[in-house]
Amino acid sequence: RLDADFDSKKTASISITYGCNNFCTYCIVPYV
């Protein structure tokens, strides 16, 4: 878990999951 410095002082984001198990046939994301 790392602190973040967001460009906008209005909007922050939080990663709640990492990775993917779906293996859509067009997508490289699960592999990387």
PDB file of all heavy atoms in Angstrom:
ATOM      1  N   ARG A   1       0.845  -1.184   0.000  1.00  0.00           N
ATOM      2  CA  ARG A   1       0.000   0.000   0.000  1.00  0.00           C
ATOM      3  C   ARG A   1       0.883   1.237   0.000  1.00  0.00           C
ATOM      4  O   ARG A   1       1.760   1.383   0.851  1.00  0.00           O
ATOM      5  CB  ARG A   1      -0.941   0.028   1.211  1.00  0.00           C
ATOM      6  CG  ARG A   1      -1.828  -1.188   1.336  1.00  0.00           C
ATOM      7  CD  ARG A   1      -2.762  -1.355   0.158  1.00  0.00           C
ATOM      8  NE  ARG A   1      -3.864  -0.383   0.143  1.00  0.00           N
ATOM      9  CZ  ARG A   1      -4.700  -0.261  -0.887  1.00  0.00           C
ATOM     10  NH1 ARG A   1      -4.529  -0.972  -1.977  1.00  0.00           N
ATOM     11  NH2 ARG A   1      -5.679   0.619  -0.821  1.00  0.00           N
ATOM     12  N   LEU A   2       0.670   2.108  -0.946  1.00  0.00           N
ATOM     13  CA  LEU A   2       1.496   3.293  -1.102  1.00  0.00           C
ATOM     14  C   LEU A   2       0.630   4.541  -1.071  1.00  0.00           C
ATOM     15  O   LEU A   2      -0.507   4.543  -1.567  1.00  0.00           O
ATOM     16  CB  LEU A   2       2.258   3.240  -2.437  1.00  0.00           C
ATOM     17  CG  LEU A   2       3.214   2.053  -2.635  1.00  0.00           C
ATOM     18  CD1 LEU A   2       3.697   2.010  -4.077  1.00  0.00           C
ATOM     19  CD2 LEU A   2       4.403   2.163  -1.687  1.00  0.00           C
ATOM     20  N   ASP A   3       1.170   5.604  -0.473  1.00  0.00           N
ATOM     21  CA  ASP A   3       0.488   6.892  -0.504  1.00  0.00           C
ATOM     22  C   ASP A   3       0.514   7.433  -1.932  1.00  0.00           C
ATOM     23  O   ASP A   3       1.314   7.001  -2.760  1.00  0.00           O
ATOM     24  CB  ASP A   3       1.176   7.868   0.453  1.00  0.00           C
ATOM     25  CG  ASP A   3       0.274   9.048   0.818  1.00  0.00           C
ATOM     26  OD1 ASP A   3      -0.900   9.064   0.399  1.00  0.00           O
ATOM     27  OD2 ASP A   3       0.759   9.961   1.527  1.00  0.00           O
ATOM     28  N   ALA A   4      -0.363   8.371  -2.225  1.00  0.00           N
ATOM     29  CA  ALA A   4      -0.453   8.900  -3.581  1.00  0.00           C
ATOM     30  C   ALA A   4      -0.545  10.415  -3.557  1.00  0.00           C
ATOM     31  O   ALA A   4      -1.044  11.009  -2.596  1.00  0.00           O
ATOM     32  CB  ALA A   4      -1.674   8.306  -4.297  1.00  0.00           C
ATOM     33  N   ASP A   5      -0.048  11.031  -4.613  1.00  0.00           N
ATOM     34  CA  ASP A   5      -0.156  12.472  -4.790  1.00  0.00           C
ATOM     35  C   ASP A   5      -0.985  12.727  -6.044  1.00  0.00           C
ATOM     36  O   ASP A   5      -0.487  12.667  -7.160  1.00  0.00           O
ATOM     37  CB  ASP A   5       1.235  13.093  -4.925  1.00  0.00           C
ATOM     38  CG  ASP A   5       1.198  14.603  -5.054  1.00  0.00           C
ATOM     39  OD1 ASP A   5       0.366  15.229  -4.371  1.00  0.00           O
ATOM     40  OD2 ASP A   5       1.970  15.166  -5.851  1.00  0.00           O
ATOM     41  N   PHE A   6      -2.293  12.981  -5.866  1.00  0.00           N
ATOM     42  CA  PHE A   6      -3.205  13.140  -6.989  1.00  0.00           C
ATOM     43  C   PHE A   6      -3.152  14.561  -7.538  1.00  0.00           C
ATOM     44  O   PHE A   6      -3.047  15.534  -6.794  1.00  0.00           O
ATOM     45  CB  PHE A   6      -4.638  12.801  -6.574  1.00  0.00           C
ATOM     46  CG  PHE A   6      -4.809  11.370  -6.153  1.00  0.00           C
ATOM     47  CD1 PHE A   6      -4.879  11.027  -4.810  1.00  0.00           C
ATOM     48  CD2 PHE A   6      -4.881  10.361  -7.093  1.00  0.00           C
ATOM     49  CE1 PHE A   6      -5.018   9.712  -4.417  1.00  0.00           C
ATOM     50  CE2 PHE A   6      -5.022   9.036  -6.708  1.00  0.00           C
ATOM     51  CZ  PHE A   6      -5.087   8.711  -5.371  1.00  0.00           C
ATOM     52  N   ASP A   7      -3.225  14.641  -8.877  1.00  0.00           N
ATOM     53  CA  ASP A   7      -3.208  15.954  -9.523  1.00  0.00           C
ATOM     54  C   ASP A   7      -4.409  16.791  -9.091  1.00  0.00           C
ATOM     55  O   ASP A   7      -4.299  17.977  -8.841  1.00  0.00           O
ATOM     56  CB  ASP A   7      -3.208  15.806 -11.049  1.00  0.00           C
ATOM     57  CG  ASP A   7      -1.887  15.250 -11.559  1.00  0.00           C
ATOM     58  OD1 ASP A   7      -0.865  15.402 -10.858  1.00  0.00           O
ATOM     59  OD2 ASP A   7      -1.877  14.660 -12.659  1.00  0.00           O
ATOM     60  N   SER A   8      -5.559  16.143  -9.009  1.00  0.00           N
ATOM     61  CA  SER A   8      -6.765  16.848  -8.596  1.00  0.00           C
ATOM     62  C   SER A   8      -6.925  16.774  -7.082  1.00  0.00           C
ATOM     63  O   SER A   8      -6.730  15.723  -6.479  1.00  0.00           O
ATOM     64  CB  SER A   8      -8.005  16.223  -9.251  1.00  0.00           C
ATOM     65  OG  SER A   8      -9.189  16.702  -8.651  1.00  0.00           O
ATOM     66  N   LYS A   9      -7.246  17.893  -6.467  1.00  0.00           N
ATOM     67  CA  LYS A   9      -7.515  17.902  -5.035  1.00  0.00           C
ATOM     68  C   LYS A   9      -8.971  17.558  -4.741  1.00  0.00           C
ATOM     69  O   LYS A   9      -9.408  17.583  -3.602  1.00  0.00           O
ATOM     70  CB  LYS A   9      -7.154  19.261  -4.438  1.00  0.00           C
ATOM     71  CG  LYS A   9      -5.663  19.605  -4.576  1.00  0.00           C
ATOM     72  CD  LYS A   9      -4.768  18.524  -3.960  1.00  0.00           C
ATOM     73  CE  LYS A   9      -3.288  18.846  -4.117  1.00  0.00           C
ATOM     74  NZ  LYS A   9      -2.436  17.719  -3.616  1.00  0.00           N
ATOM     75  N   LYS A  10      -9.719  17.249  -5.802  1.00  0.00           N
ATOM     76  CA  LYS A  10     -11.123  16.893  -5.656  1.00  0.00           C
ATOM     77  C   LYS A  10     -11.349  15.389  -5.740  1.00  0.00           C
ATOM     78  O   LYS A  10     -12.245  14.849  -5.125  1.00  0.00           O
ATOM     79  CB  LYS A  10     -11.962  17.592  -6.744  1.00  0.00           C
ATOM     80  CG  LYS A  10     -11.881  19.099  -6.708  1.00  0.00           C
ATOM     81  CD  LYS A  10     -12.573  19.749  -7.862  1.00  0.00           C
ATOM     82  CE  LYS A  10     -11.840  19.464  -9.154  1.00  0.00           C
ATOM     83  NZ  LYS A  10     -10.501  20.136  -9.229  1.00  0.00           N
ATOM     84  N   THR A  11     -10.506  14.707  -6.540  1.00  0.00           N
ATOM     85  CA  THR A  11     -10.721  13.297  -6.840  1.00  0.00           C
ATOM     86  C   THR A  11      -9.539  12.447  -6.402  1.00  0.00           C
ATOM     87  O   THR A  11      -8.400  12.729  -6.754  1.00  0.00           O
ATOM     88  CB  THR A  11     -10.963  13.100  -8.348  1.00  0.00           C
ATOM     89  OG1 THR A  11     -12.099  13.879  -8.755  1.00  0.00           O
ATOM     90  CG2 THR A  11     -11.226  11.635  -8.658  1.00  0.00           C
ATOM     91  N   ALA A  12      -9.836  11.396  -5.640  1.00  0.00           N
ATOM     92  CA  ALA A  12      -8.834  10.407  -5.256  1.00  0.00           C
ATOM     93  C   ALA A  12      -9.286   9.042  -5.759  1.00  0.00           C
ATOM     94  O   ALA A  12     -10.478   8.815  -5.994  1.00  0.00           O
ATOM     95  CB  ALA A  12      -8.658  10.378  -3.734  1.00  0.00           C
ATOM     96  N   SER A  13      -8.361   8.133  -5.947  1.00  0.00           N
ATOM     97  CA  SER A  13      -8.712   6.786  -6.391  1.00  0.00           C
ATOM     98  C   SER A  13      -8.017   5.746  -5.529  1.00  0.00           C
ATOM     99  O   SER A  13      -6.939   5.982  -4.994  1.00  0.00           O
ATOM    100  CB  SER A  13      -8.357   6.588  -7.869  1.00  0.00           C
ATOM    101  OG  SER A  13      -6.974   6.778  -8.097  1.00  0.00           O
ATOM    102  N   ILE A  14      -8.666   4.597  -5.412  1.00  0.00           N
ATOM    103  CA  ILE A  14      -8.161   3.500  -4.579  1.00  0.00           C
ATOM    104  C   ILE A  14      -8.269   2.196  -5.371  1.00  0.00           C
ATOM    105  O   ILE A  14      -9.348   1.847  -5.845  1.00  0.00           O
ATOM    106  CB  ILE A  14      -8.977   3.367  -3.276  1.00  0.00           C
ATOM    107  CG1 ILE A  14      -8.939   4.669  -2.473  1.00  0.00           C
ATOM    108  CG2 ILE A  14      -8.458   2.203  -2.434  1.00  0.00           C
ATOM    109  CD1 ILE A  14      -9.913   4.678  -1.302  1.00  0.00           C
ATOM    110  N   SER A  15      -7.184   1.479  -5.501  1.00  0.00           N
ATOM    111  CA  SER A  15      -7.221   0.156  -6.118  1.00  0.00           C
ATOM    112  C   SER A  15      -7.757  -0.847  -5.096  1.00  0.00           C
ATOM    113  O   SER A  15      -7.175  -1.019  -4.032  1.00  0.00           O
ATOM    114  CB  SER A  15      -5.827  -0.264  -6.580  1.00  0.00           C
ATOM    115  OG  SER A  15      -5.363   0.595  -7.610  1.00  0.00           O
ATOM    116  N   ILE A  16      -8.872  -1.503  -5.420  1.00  0.00           N
ATOM    117  CA  ILE A  16      -9.458  -2.477  -4.496  1.00  0.00           C
ATOM    118  C   ILE A  16      -9.168  -3.914  -4.924  1.00  0.00           C
ATOM    119  O   ILE A  16      -9.251  -4.833  -4.114  1.00  0.00           O
ATOM    120  CB  ILE A  16     -10.972  -2.271  -4.320  1.00  0.00           C
ATOM    121  CG1 ILE A  16     -11.734  -2.576  -5.603  1.00  0.00           C
ATOM    122  CG2 ILE A  16     -11.266  -0.844  -3.844  1.00  0.00           C
ATOM    123  CD1 ILE A  16     -13.236  -2.673  -5.411  1.00  0.00           C
ATOM    124  N   THR A  17      -8.858  -4.107  -6.201  1.00  0.00           N
ATOM    125  CA  THR A  17      -8.419  -5.410  -6.684  1.00  0.00           C
ATOM    126  C   THR A  17      -7.275  -5.209  -7.670  1.00  0.00           C
ATOM    127  O   THR A  17      -7.140  -4.140  -8.273  1.00  0.00           O
ATOM    128  CB  THR A  17      -9.537  -6.203  -7.399  1.00  0.00           C
ATOM    129  OG1 THR A  17      -9.892  -5.550  -8.625  1.00  0.00           O
ATOM    130  CG2 THR A  17     -10.766  -6.359  -6.523  1.00  0.00           C
ATOM    131  N   TYR A  18      -6.482  -6.254  -7.817  1.00  0.00           N
ATOM    132  CA  TYR A  18      -5.420  -6.280  -8.812  1.00  0.00           C
ATOM    133  C   TYR A  18      -5.561  -7.556  -9.634  1.00  0.00           C
ATOM    134  O   TYR A  18      -5.956  -8.602  -9.110  1.00  0.00           O
ATOM    135  CB  TYR A  18      -4.041  -6.251  -8.152  1.00  0.00           C
ATOM    136  CG  TYR A  18      -3.739  -4.972  -7.402  1.00  0.00           C
ATOM    137  CD1 TYR A  18      -4.106  -4.836  -6.068  1.00  0.00           C
ATOM    138  CD2 TYR A  18      -3.098  -3.904  -8.022  1.00  0.00           C
ATOM    139  CE1 TYR A  18      -3.841  -3.663  -5.370  1.00  0.00           C
ATOM    140  CE2 TYR A  18      -2.827  -2.729  -7.335  1.00  0.00           C
ATOM    141  CZ  TYR A  18      -3.202  -2.621  -6.010  1.00  0.00           C
ATOM    142  OH  TYR A  18      -2.934  -1.449  -5.333  1.00  0.00           O
ATOM    143  N   GLY A  19      -5.235  -7.466 -10.912  1.00  0.00           N
ATOM    144  CA  GLY A  19      -5.268  -8.648 -11.752  1.00  0.00           C
ATOM    145  C   GLY A  19      -6.662  -8.995 -12.260  1.00  0.00           C
ATOM    146  O   GLY A  19      -7.649  -8.312 -11.964  1.00  0.00           O
ATOM    147  N   CYS A  20      -6.739 -10.080 -13.009  1.00  0.00           N
ATOM    148  CA  CYS A  20      -8.004 -10.476 -13.628  1.00  0.00           C
ATOM    149  C   CYS A  20      -7.990 -11.971 -13.912  1.00  0.00           C
ATOM    150  O   CYS A  20      -6.975 -12.531 -14.337  1.00  0.00           O
ATOM    151  CB  CYS A  20      -8.204  -9.703 -14.939  1.00  0.00           C
ATOM    152  SG  CYS A  20      -9.788 -10.019 -15.745  1.00  0.00           S
ATOM    153  N   ASN A  21      -9.143 -12.616 -13.687  1.00  0.00           N
ATOM    154  CA  ASN A  21      -9.282 -14.050 -13.935  1.00  0.00           C
ATOM    155  C   ASN A  21     -10.136 -14.370 -15.160  1.00  0.00           C
ATOM    156  O   ASN A  21     -10.422 -15.529 -15.434  1.00  0.00           O
ATOM    157  CB  ASN A  21      -9.928 -14.738 -12.723  1.00  0.00           C
ATOM    158  CG  ASN A  21      -9.029 -14.772 -11.509  1.00  0.00           C
ATOM    159  OD1 ASN A  21      -7.840 -14.481 -11.592  1.00  0.00           O
ATOM    160  ND2 ASN A  21      -9.591 -15.100 -10.358  1.00  0.00           N
ATOM    161  N   ASN A  22     -10.553 -13.361 -15.904  1.00  0.00           N
ATOM    162  CA  ASN A  22     -11.573 -13.578 -16.928  1.00  0.00           C
ATOM    163  C   ASN A  22     -11.038 -14.096 -18.257  1.00  0.00           C
ATOM    164  O   ASN A  22     -11.737 -14.790 -18.979  1.00  0.00           O
ATOM    165  CB  ASN A  22     -12.358 -12.286 -17.159  1.00  0.00           C
ATOM    166  CG  ASN A  22     -13.220 -11.929 -15.965  1.00  0.00           C
ATOM    167  OD1 ASN A  22     -13.867 -12.793 -15.382  1.00  0.00           O
ATOM    168  ND2 ASN A  22     -13.209 -10.676 -15.573  1.00  0.00           N
ATOM    169  N   PHE A  23      -9.853 -13.715 -18.637  1.00  0.00           N
ATOM    170  CA  PHE A  23      -9.234 -14.175 -19.878  1.00  0.00           C
ATOM    171  C   PHE A  23     -10.142 -13.973 -21.094  1.00  0.00           C
ATOM    172  O   PHE A  23     -10.386 -14.902 -21.875  1.00  0.00           O
ATOM    173  CB  PHE A  23      -8.805 -15.640 -19.766  1.00  0.00           C
ATOM    174  CG  PHE A  23      -7.623 -15.844 -18.850  1.00  0.00           C
ATOM    175  CD1 PHE A  23      -7.821 -16.131 -17.507  1.00  0.00           C
ATOM    176  CD2 PHE A  23      -6.329 -15.686 -19.322  1.00  0.00           C
ATOM    177  CE1 PHE A  23      -6.735 -16.298 -16.648  1.00  0.00           C
ATOM    178  CE2 PHE A  23      -5.245 -15.841 -18.460  1.00  0.00           C
ATOM    179  CZ  PHE A  23      -5.443 -16.152 -17.130  1.00  0.00           C
ATOM    180  N   CYS A  24     -10.666 -12.758 -21.231  1.00  0.00           N
ATOM    181  CA  CYS A  24     -11.331 -12.394 -22.478  1.00  0.00           C
ATOM    182  C   CYS A  24     -10.323 -12.592 -23.608  1.00  0.00           C
ATOM    183  O   CYS A  24      -9.145 -12.251 -23.463  1.00  0.00           O
ATOM    184  CB  CYS A  24     -11.818 -10.946 -22.432  1.00  0.00           C
ATOM    185  SG  CYS A  24     -13.009 -10.622 -21.095  1.00  0.00           S
ATOM    186  N   THR A  25     -10.766 -13.119 -24.715  1.00  0.00           N
ATOM    187  CA  THR A  25      -9.828 -13.580 -25.739  1.00  0.00           C
ATOM    188  C   THR A  25      -9.087 -12.453 -26.450  1.00  0.00           C
ATOM    189  O   THR A  25      -8.100 -12.699 -27.142  1.00  0.00           O
ATOM    190  CB  THR A  25     -10.548 -14.438 -26.790  1.00  0.00           C
ATOM    191  OG1 THR A  25     -11.641 -13.691 -27.367  1.00  0.00           O
ATOM    192  CG2 THR A  25     -11.100 -15.718 -26.146  1.00  0.00           C
ATOM    193  N   TYR A  26      -9.563 -11.192 -26.289  1.00  0.00           N
ATOM    194  CA  TYR A  26      -8.916 -10.059 -26.937  1.00  0.00           C
ATOM    195  C   TYR A  26      -7.962  -9.304 -26.015  1.00  0.00           C
ATOM    196  O   TYR A  26      -7.301  -8.363 -26.439  1.00  0.00           O
ATOM    197  CB  TYR A  26      -9.975  -9.055 -27.437  1.00  0.00           C
ATOM    198  CG  TYR A  26     -10.957  -8.637 -26.360  1.00  0.00           C
ATOM    199  CD1 TYR A  26     -10.646  -7.680 -25.423  1.00  0.00           C
ATOM    200  CD2 TYR A  26     -12.209  -9.244 -26.280  1.00  0.00           C
ATOM    201  CE1 TYR A  26     -11.533  -7.332 -24.421  1.00  0.00           C
ATOM    202  CE2 TYR A  26     -13.108  -8.904 -25.286  1.00  0.00           C
ATOM    203  CZ  TYR A  26     -12.773  -7.948 -24.367  1.00  0.00           C
ATOM    204  OH  TYR A  26     -13.659  -7.610 -23.378  1.00  0.00           O
ATOM    205  N   CYS A  27      -7.874  -9.712 -24.747  1.00  0.00           N
ATOM    206  CA  CYS A  27      -7.250  -8.884 -23.715  1.00  0.00           C
ATOM    207  C   CYS A  27      -5.963  -9.501 -23.191  1.00  0.00           C
ATOM    208  O   CYS A  27      -5.906 -10.695 -22.864  1.00  0.00           O
ATOM    209  CB  CYS A  27      -8.237  -8.658 -22.573  1.00  0.00           C
ATOM    210  SG  CYS A  27      -7.632  -7.514 -21.302  1.00  0.00           S
ATOM    211  N   ILE A  28      -4.947  -8.670 -23.037  1.00  0.00           N
ATOM    212  CA  ILE A  28      -3.636  -9.105 -22.546  1.00  0.00           C
ATOM    213  C   ILE A  28      -3.499  -8.925 -21.034  1.00  0.00           C
ATOM    214  O   ILE A  28      -2.554  -9.434 -20.417  1.00  0.00           O
ATOM    215  CB  ILE A  28      -2.522  -8.308 -23.277  1.00  0.00           C
ATOM    216  CG1 ILE A  28      -1.147  -8.970 -23.114  1.00  0.00           C
ATOM    217  CG2 ILE A  28      -2.474  -6.852 -22.783  1.00  0.00           C
ATOM    218  CD1 ILE A  28      -0.989 -10.235 -23.913  1.00  0.00           C
ATOM    219  N   VAL A  29      -4.455  -8.222 -20.398  1.00  0.00           N
ATOM    220  CA  VAL A  29      -4.315  -7.823 -18.997  1.00  0.00           C
ATOM    221  C   VAL A  29      -4.012  -8.984 -18.042  1.00  0.00           C
ATOM    222  O   VAL A  29      -3.113  -8.875 -17.200  1.00  0.00           O
ATOM    223  CB  VAL A  29      -5.556  -7.024 -18.528  1.00  0.00           C
ATOM    224  CG1 VAL A  29      -5.587  -6.897 -16.995  1.00  0.00           C
ATOM    225  CG2 VAL A  29      -5.549  -5.637 -19.150  1.00  0.00           C
ATOM    226  N   PRO A  30      -4.728 -10.133 -18.105  1.00  0.00           N
ATOM    227  CA  PRO A  30      -4.415 -11.208 -17.147  1.00  0.00           C
ATOM    228  C   PRO A  30      -2.978 -11.703 -17.234  1.00  0.00           C
ATOM    229  O   PRO A  30      -2.432 -12.210 -16.248  1.00  0.00           O
ATOM    230  CB  PRO A  30      -5.404 -12.316 -17.534  1.00  0.00           C
ATOM    231  CG  PRO A  30      -6.518 -11.619 -18.232  1.00  0.00           C
ATOM    232  CD  PRO A  30      -5.877 -10.489 -18.972  1.00  0.00           C
ATOM    233  N   TYR A  31      -2.391 -11.551 -18.411  1.00  0.00           N
ATOM    234  CA  TYR A  31      -1.026 -12.035 -18.611  1.00  0.00           C
ATOM    235  C   TYR A  31       0.018 -11.066 -18.045  1.00  0.00           C
ATOM    236  O   TYR A  31       1.154 -11.479 -17.782  1.00  0.00           O
ATOM    237  CB  TYR A  31      -0.762 -12.273 -20.099  1.00  0.00           C
ATOM    238  CG  TYR A  31      -1.733 -13.251 -20.727  1.00  0.00           C
ATOM    239  CD1 TYR A  31      -2.828 -12.789 -21.457  1.00  0.00           C
ATOM    240  CD2 TYR A  31      -1.567 -14.615 -20.577  1.00  0.00           C
ATOM    241  CE1 TYR A  31      -3.729 -13.670 -22.029  1.00  0.00           C
ATOM    242  CE2 TYR A  31      -2.466 -15.513 -21.143  1.00  0.00           C
ATOM    243  CZ  TYR A  31      -3.540 -15.031 -21.868  1.00  0.00           C
ATOM    244  OH  TYR A  31      -4.448 -15.911 -22.425  1.00  0.00           O
ATOM    245  N   VAL A  32      -0.353  -9.795 -17.889  1.00  0.00           N
ATOM    246  CA  VAL A  32       0.620  -8.816 -17.392  1.00  0.00           C
ATOM    247  C   VAL A  32       0.310  -8.329 -15.979  1.00  0.00           C
ATOM    248  O   VAL A  32       1.204  -7.830 -15.286  1.00  0.00           O
ATOM    249  CB  VAL A  32       0.743  -7.602 -18.350  1.00  0.00           C
ATOM    250  CG1 VAL A  32       1.338  -8.040 -19.671  1.00  0.00           C
ATOM    251  CG2 VAL A  32      -0.587  -6.894 -18.565  1.00  0.00           C
TER     252      VAL A  32
END
